[in-house]
Amino acid sequence: ILDRFNSESYRLKVHDHLKELVQKHAQNIDSFLVERLNDIASTARSFTFEQLSDEAFLQQRLEDLQLENGPSFVDLGLIDENGKQISYAGPFQLNRADYASAVWFEEAIHTDRYISNVFLGLRGQPHFIVTVRGEGGGAAVAVDGVQPDRGLPEEAGGGDEDDLDAPADGGDDEADE
C-alpha cells in the first residue's frame, strides 16, 4: 500500500510540475507573439502605403526591426486587399507573389491583426505570418514572416526546429504562404 501511495503521489507531482512548465511556455510564446504583432503594427502605423511600397524603404524597416528585435524577423512585405504583394524585403524570391488563395490571407483580410499557425508555405521552411491591416480601410496588409526557431525565447522552445512538426493549435497546415 505504501508503494502505491508513493507512486501515485510522485505521478501527481510530476504531472503538476509538467503542467506548470507548459503554462509558462505558453505565456512566453504568447508574449513573444504579441511583441512581434506590436512591432509590425507600429511599422504599419508609422509609415504610409506609398512609403512601404518602396522596396528600399521596406528593406530599411526590416533591418530596423532585426536590429531592435534580433533574428526573429525574416522578411517584410506589403500586400494589397487583393492578395498581391506590392513590395518585399527579405531573403526569398517572393516579389509580386499572389496570396489571394492562401488560407492565412483569407483569414487575415477580415481582421485588423492576425497571427497564423506555423506552416511551410512558399518558402518551404517552418514559419508563421504576422499581419496588420493598414490605415485607410484595409487597402494593405503589412506582413512579416517569422521563423519560430529564430528569436523565440529559449525557455519558450526557441532554437529547435524539430519541435515545429505541427501547427500550434494542432490544426491543419496552411495551404499556401
C-alpha atoms as a PDB file:
ATOM      1  CA  ILE A   1       0.000   0.000   0.000  1.00  0.00           C
ATOM      2  CA  LEU A   2       2.822   2.442   0.852  1.00  0.00           C
ATOM      3  CA  ASP A   3       4.481   1.855  -2.545  1.00  0.00           C
ATOM      4  CA  ARG A   4       1.209   2.520  -4.350  1.00  0.00           C
ATOM      5  CA  PHE A   5       0.650   5.757  -2.401  1.00  0.00           C
ATOM      6  CA  ASN A   6       4.189   6.930  -3.101  1.00  0.00           C
ATOM      7  CA  SER A   7       3.889   6.097  -6.805  1.00  0.00           C
ATOM      8  CA  GLU A   8       0.582   7.924  -7.142  1.00  0.00           C
ATOM      9  CA  SER A   9       1.889  10.857  -5.132  1.00  0.00           C
ATOM     10  CA  TYR A  10       5.018  11.043  -7.292  1.00  0.00           C
ATOM     11  CA  ARG A  11       2.964  10.795 -10.505  1.00  0.00           C
ATOM     12  CA  LEU A  12       0.760  13.683  -9.370  1.00  0.00           C
ATOM     13  CA  LYS A  13       3.812  15.793  -8.503  1.00  0.00           C
ATOM     14  CA  VAL A  14       5.342  15.174 -11.915  1.00  0.00           C
ATOM     15  CA  HIS A  15       2.023  15.926 -13.615  1.00  0.00           C
ATOM     16  CA  ASP A  16       1.632  19.213 -11.723  1.00  0.00           C
ATOM     17  CA  HIS A  17       5.221  20.204 -12.495  1.00  0.00           C
ATOM     18  CA  LEU A  18       4.796  19.484 -16.213  1.00  0.00           C
ATOM     19  CA  LYS A  19       1.506  21.375 -16.277  1.00  0.00           C
ATOM     20  CA  GLU A  20       3.216  24.411 -14.755  1.00  0.00           C
ATOM     21  CA  LEU A  21       6.067  24.211 -17.298  1.00  0.00           C
ATOM     22  CA  VAL A  22       3.621  24.060 -20.196  1.00  0.00           C
ATOM     23  CA  GLN A  23       1.723  27.062 -18.855  1.00  0.00           C
ATOM     24  CA  LYS A  24       4.950  29.062 -18.540  1.00  0.00           C
ATOM     25  CA  HIS A  25       5.973  28.135 -22.097  1.00  0.00           C
ATOM     26  CA  ALA A  26       2.547  29.166 -23.380  1.00  0.00           C
ATOM     27  CA  GLN A  27       2.825  32.521 -21.599  1.00  0.00           C
ATOM     28  CA  ASN A  28       6.310  33.098 -23.060  1.00  0.00           C
ATOM     29  CA  ILE A  29       5.127  32.233 -26.558  1.00  0.00           C
ATOM     30  CA  ASP A  30       2.056  34.463 -26.220  1.00  0.00           C
ATOM     31  CA  SER A  31       4.259  37.348 -25.066  1.00  0.00           C
ATOM     32  CA  PHE A  32       6.633  36.791 -27.989  1.00  0.00           C
ATOM     33  CA  LEU A  33       3.737  36.797 -30.471  1.00  0.00           C
ATOM     34  CA  VAL A  34       2.158  39.941 -29.028  1.00  0.00           C
ATOM     35  CA  GLU A  35       5.527  41.721 -29.174  1.00  0.00           C
ATOM     36  CA  ARG A  36       6.005  40.782 -32.852  1.00  0.00           C
ATOM     37  CA  LEU A  37       2.459  41.861 -33.641  1.00  0.00           C
ATOM     38  CA  ASN A  38       3.027  45.196 -31.905  1.00  0.00           C
ATOM     39  CA  ASP A  39       6.296  45.688 -33.807  1.00  0.00           C
ATOM     40  CA  ILE A  40       4.519  45.207 -37.127  1.00  0.00           C
ATOM     41  CA  ALA A  41       1.575  47.378 -36.031  1.00  0.00           C
ATOM     42  CA  SER A  42       3.972  50.175 -35.132  1.00  0.00           C
ATOM     43  CA  THR A  43       5.591  49.942 -38.559  1.00  0.00           C
ATOM     44  CA  ALA A  44       2.205  49.950 -40.313  1.00  0.00           C
ATOM     45  CA  ARG A  45       1.047  52.995 -38.289  1.00  0.00           C
ATOM     46  CA  SER A  46       4.264  54.952 -38.678  1.00  0.00           C
ATOM     47  CA  PHE A  47       4.517  54.912 -42.462  1.00  0.00           C
ATOM     48  CA  THR A  48       2.222  55.452 -45.417  1.00  0.00           C
ATOM     49  CA  PHE A  49       1.243  52.901 -48.033  1.00  0.00           C
ATOM     50  CA  GLU A  50       3.384  54.790 -50.535  1.00  0.00           C
ATOM     51  CA  GLN A  51       6.449  54.675 -48.274  1.00  0.00           C
ATOM     52  CA  LEU A  52       6.058  50.957 -47.579  1.00  0.00           C
ATOM     53  CA  SER A  53       5.558  50.323 -51.308  1.00  0.00           C
ATOM     54  CA  ASP A  54       9.176  51.346 -51.899  1.00  0.00           C
ATOM     55  CA  GLU A  55      11.276  48.178 -51.571  1.00  0.00           C
ATOM     56  CA  ALA A  56      14.417  50.053 -50.474  1.00  0.00           C
ATOM     57  CA  PHE A  57      12.392  51.790 -47.764  1.00  0.00           C
ATOM     58  CA  LEU A  58      10.822  48.468 -46.732  1.00  0.00           C
ATOM     59  CA  GLN A  59      14.269  46.855 -46.594  1.00  0.00           C
ATOM     60  CA  GLN A  60      15.396  49.565 -44.166  1.00  0.00           C
ATOM     61  CA  ARG A  61      12.320  48.948 -41.984  1.00  0.00           C
ATOM     62  CA  LEU A  62      13.144  45.216 -41.945  1.00  0.00           C
ATOM     63  CA  GLU A  63      16.737  45.958 -40.946  1.00  0.00           C
ATOM     64  CA  ASP A  64      15.471  48.252 -38.180  1.00  0.00           C
ATOM     65  CA  LEU A  65      13.165  45.511 -36.877  1.00  0.00           C
ATOM     66  CA  GLN A  66      16.005  42.983 -36.973  1.00  0.00           C
ATOM     67  CA  LEU A  67      18.342  45.377 -35.184  1.00  0.00           C
ATOM     68  CA  GLU A  68      15.798  46.042 -32.429  1.00  0.00           C
ATOM     69  CA  ASN A  69      14.448  42.504 -32.068  1.00  0.00           C
ATOM     70  CA  GLY A  70      17.118  40.074 -33.150  1.00  0.00           C
ATOM     71  CA  PRO A  71      16.764  37.363 -35.746  1.00  0.00           C
ATOM     72  CA  SER A  72      13.062  36.606 -35.407  1.00  0.00           C
ATOM     73  CA  PHE A  73      12.052  38.925 -38.271  1.00  0.00           C
ATOM     74  CA  VAL A  74      12.893  37.176 -41.533  1.00  0.00           C
ATOM     75  CA  ASP A  75      11.132  39.300 -44.107  1.00  0.00           C
ATOM     76  CA  LEU A  76       8.601  42.031 -44.521  1.00  0.00           C
ATOM     77  CA  GLY A  77       6.054  42.603 -47.238  1.00  0.00           C
ATOM     78  CA  LEU A  78       3.211  44.876 -48.214  1.00  0.00           C
ATOM     79  CA  ILE A  79       0.167  43.143 -49.675  1.00  0.00           C
ATOM     80  CA  ASP A  80      -2.893  44.812 -51.120  1.00  0.00           C
ATOM     81  CA  GLU A  81      -6.504  43.894 -50.384  1.00  0.00           C
ATOM     82  CA  ASN A  82      -6.497  41.511 -53.372  1.00  0.00           C
ATOM     83  CA  GLY A  83      -3.578  39.466 -52.057  1.00  0.00           C
ATOM     84  CA  LYS A  84      -0.962  40.873 -54.442  1.00  0.00           C
ATOM     85  CA  GLN A  85       2.411  41.588 -52.894  1.00  0.00           C
ATOM     86  CA  ILE A  86       3.242  45.223 -53.634  1.00  0.00           C
ATOM     87  CA  SER A  87       6.724  45.275 -52.116  1.00  0.00           C
ATOM     88  CA  TYR A  88       9.002  42.770 -50.405  1.00  0.00           C
ATOM     89  CA  ALA A  89      12.182  42.845 -48.327  1.00  0.00           C
ATOM     90  CA  GLY A  90      13.884  39.618 -47.350  1.00  0.00           C
ATOM     91  CA  PRO A  91      15.940  36.640 -48.481  1.00  0.00           C
ATOM     92  CA  PHE A  92      13.299  34.786 -50.503  1.00  0.00           C
ATOM     93  CA  GLN A  93      12.113  35.294 -54.085  1.00  0.00           C
ATOM     94  CA  LEU A  94       8.620  36.421 -53.110  1.00  0.00           C
ATOM     95  CA  ASN A  95       8.362  39.645 -55.106  1.00  0.00           C
ATOM     96  CA  ARG A  96       4.934  40.049 -56.685  1.00  0.00           C
ATOM     97  CA  ALA A  97       3.655  36.870 -55.030  1.00  0.00           C
ATOM     98  CA  ASP A  98      -0.096  36.323 -55.105  1.00  0.00           C
ATOM     99  CA  TYR A  99      -1.585  35.303 -51.762  1.00  0.00           C
ATOM    100  CA  ALA A 100      -5.255  35.708 -52.656  1.00  0.00           C
ATOM    101  CA  SER A 101      -5.992  32.000 -52.189  1.00  0.00           C
ATOM    102  CA  ALA A 102      -3.659  31.428 -49.227  1.00  0.00           C
ATOM    103  CA  VAL A 103      -5.523  30.267 -46.141  1.00  0.00           C
ATOM    104  CA  TRP A 104      -3.730  32.768 -43.904  1.00  0.00           C
ATOM    105  CA  PHE A 105      -4.574  35.675 -46.236  1.00  0.00           C
ATOM    106  CA  GLU A 106      -8.241  34.692 -46.460  1.00  0.00           C
ATOM    107  CA  GLU A 107      -8.350  34.781 -42.651  1.00  0.00           C
ATOM    108  CA  ALA A 108      -6.144  37.854 -42.187  1.00  0.00           C
ATOM    109  CA  ILE A 109      -8.014  40.098 -44.608  1.00  0.00           C
ATOM    110  CA  HIS A 110     -11.077  40.005 -42.335  1.00  0.00           C
ATOM    111  CA  THR A 111      -9.314  41.233 -39.205  1.00  0.00           C
ATOM    112  CA  ASP A 112      -7.101  44.140 -38.176  1.00  0.00           C
ATOM    113  CA  ARG A 113      -4.401  41.888 -36.708  1.00  0.00           C
ATOM    114  CA  TYR A 114      -3.637  38.249 -37.405  1.00  0.00           C
ATOM    115  CA  ILE A 115      -1.091  35.574 -36.465  1.00  0.00           C
ATOM    116  CA  SER A 116      -1.117  32.352 -38.470  1.00  0.00           C
ATOM    117  CA  ASN A 117      -0.255  28.850 -37.354  1.00  0.00           C
ATOM    118  CA  VAL A 118       3.204  27.520 -38.198  1.00  0.00           C
ATOM    119  CA  PHE A 119       3.334  26.282 -41.801  1.00  0.00           C
ATOM    120  CA  LEU A 120       5.788  25.789 -44.681  1.00  0.00           C
ATOM    121  CA  GLY A 121       4.249  27.916 -47.436  1.00  0.00           C
ATOM    122  CA  LEU A 122       6.169  29.147 -50.489  1.00  0.00           C
ATOM    123  CA  ARG A 123       9.486  29.310 -48.689  1.00  0.00           C
ATOM    124  CA  GLY A 124       9.427  25.644 -47.647  1.00  0.00           C
ATOM    125  CA  GLN A 125      10.535  26.441 -44.100  1.00  0.00           C
ATOM    126  CA  PRO A 126       8.528  26.470 -40.878  1.00  0.00           C
ATOM    127  CA  HIS A 127       7.346  29.998 -40.168  1.00  0.00           C
ATOM    128  CA  PHE A 128       4.263  31.947 -39.292  1.00  0.00           C
ATOM    129  CA  ILE A 129       2.773  35.141 -40.619  1.00  0.00           C
ATOM    130  CA  VAL A 130       2.008  38.243 -38.577  1.00  0.00           C
ATOM    131  CA  THR A 131      -0.271  40.709 -40.335  1.00  0.00           C
ATOM    132  CA  VAL A 132      -1.664  44.134 -39.563  1.00  0.00           C
ATOM    133  CA  ARG A 133      -4.258  45.825 -41.720  1.00  0.00           C
ATOM    134  CA  GLY A 134      -3.047  49.195 -42.893  1.00  0.00           C
ATOM    135  CA  GLU A 135      -4.737  52.507 -42.181  1.00  0.00           C
ATOM    136  CA  GLY A 136      -7.368  53.795 -44.563  1.00  0.00           C
ATOM    137  CA  GLY A 137      -9.897  50.998 -44.821  1.00  0.00           C
ATOM    138  CA  GLY A 138      -7.662  47.986 -45.181  1.00  0.00           C
ATOM    139  CA  ALA A 139      -6.091  48.784 -48.521  1.00  0.00           C
ATOM    140  CA  ALA A 140      -2.974  46.925 -47.448  1.00  0.00           C
ATOM    141  CA  VAL A 141      -1.718  44.363 -45.033  1.00  0.00           C
ATOM    142  CA  ALA A 142       1.800  44.568 -43.655  1.00  0.00           C
ATOM    143  CA  VAL A 143       3.104  41.030 -43.416  1.00  0.00           C
ATOM    144  CA  ASP A 144       6.068  39.614 -41.611  1.00  0.00           C
ATOM    145  CA  GLY A 145       7.337  36.082 -41.886  1.00  0.00           C
ATOM    146  CA  VAL A 146       8.705  34.955 -38.541  1.00  0.00           C
ATOM    147  CA  GLN A 147      10.583  31.700 -38.176  1.00  0.00           C
ATOM    148  CA  PRO A 148       9.640  30.263 -34.781  1.00  0.00           C
ATOM    149  CA  ASP A 149      13.121  28.884 -34.168  1.00  0.00           C
ATOM    150  CA  ARG A 150      14.696  32.323 -34.666  1.00  0.00           C
ATOM    151  CA  GLY A 151      14.257  34.779 -31.843  1.00  0.00           C
ATOM    152  CA  LEU A 152      11.768  32.808 -29.783  1.00  0.00           C
ATOM    153  CA  PRO A 153      12.975  32.779 -26.192  1.00  0.00           C
ATOM    154  CA  GLU A 154      14.770  29.511 -25.428  1.00  0.00           C
ATOM    155  CA  GLU A 155      12.557  28.907 -22.398  1.00  0.00           C
ATOM    156  CA  ALA A 156       9.595  29.006 -24.779  1.00  0.00           C
ATOM    157  CA  GLY A 157      11.042  26.387 -27.099  1.00  0.00           C
ATOM    158  CA  GLY A 158      13.082  28.519 -29.496  1.00  0.00           C
ATOM    159  CA  GLY A 159      16.073  27.106 -31.277  1.00  0.00           C
ATOM    160  CA  ASP A 160      14.887  23.566 -32.050  1.00  0.00           C
ATOM    161  CA  GLU A 161      13.165  23.203 -35.393  1.00  0.00           C
ATOM    162  CA  ASP A 162      12.259  19.574 -34.619  1.00  0.00           C
ATOM    163  CA  ASP A 163       9.568  20.851 -32.257  1.00  0.00           C
ATOM    164  CA  LEU A 164       7.692  22.511 -35.113  1.00  0.00           C
ATOM    165  CA  ASP A 165       6.097  19.495 -36.766  1.00  0.00           C
ATOM    166  CA  ALA A 166       2.525  20.736 -36.445  1.00  0.00           C
ATOM    167  CA  PRO A 167       0.665  23.994 -36.055  1.00  0.00           C
ATOM    168  CA  ALA A 168       0.448  25.301 -32.509  1.00  0.00           C
ATOM    169  CA  ASP A 169      -3.245  24.508 -32.193  1.00  0.00           C
ATOM    170  CA  GLY A 170      -2.990  21.073 -33.776  1.00  0.00           C
ATOM    171  CA  GLY A 171      -4.984  22.205 -36.832  1.00  0.00           C
ATOM    172  CA  ASP A 172      -4.133  21.702 -40.471  1.00  0.00           C
ATOM    173  CA  ASP A 173      -1.085  23.329 -42.014  1.00  0.00           C
ATOM    174  CA  GLU A 174      -1.721  26.462 -44.020  1.00  0.00           C
ATOM    175  CA  ALA A 175      -2.230  25.666 -47.694  1.00  0.00           C
ATOM    176  CA  ASP A 176      -0.053  28.401 -49.177  1.00  0.00           C
ATOM    177  CA  GLU A 177       2.221  31.090 -47.964  1.00  0.00           C
END
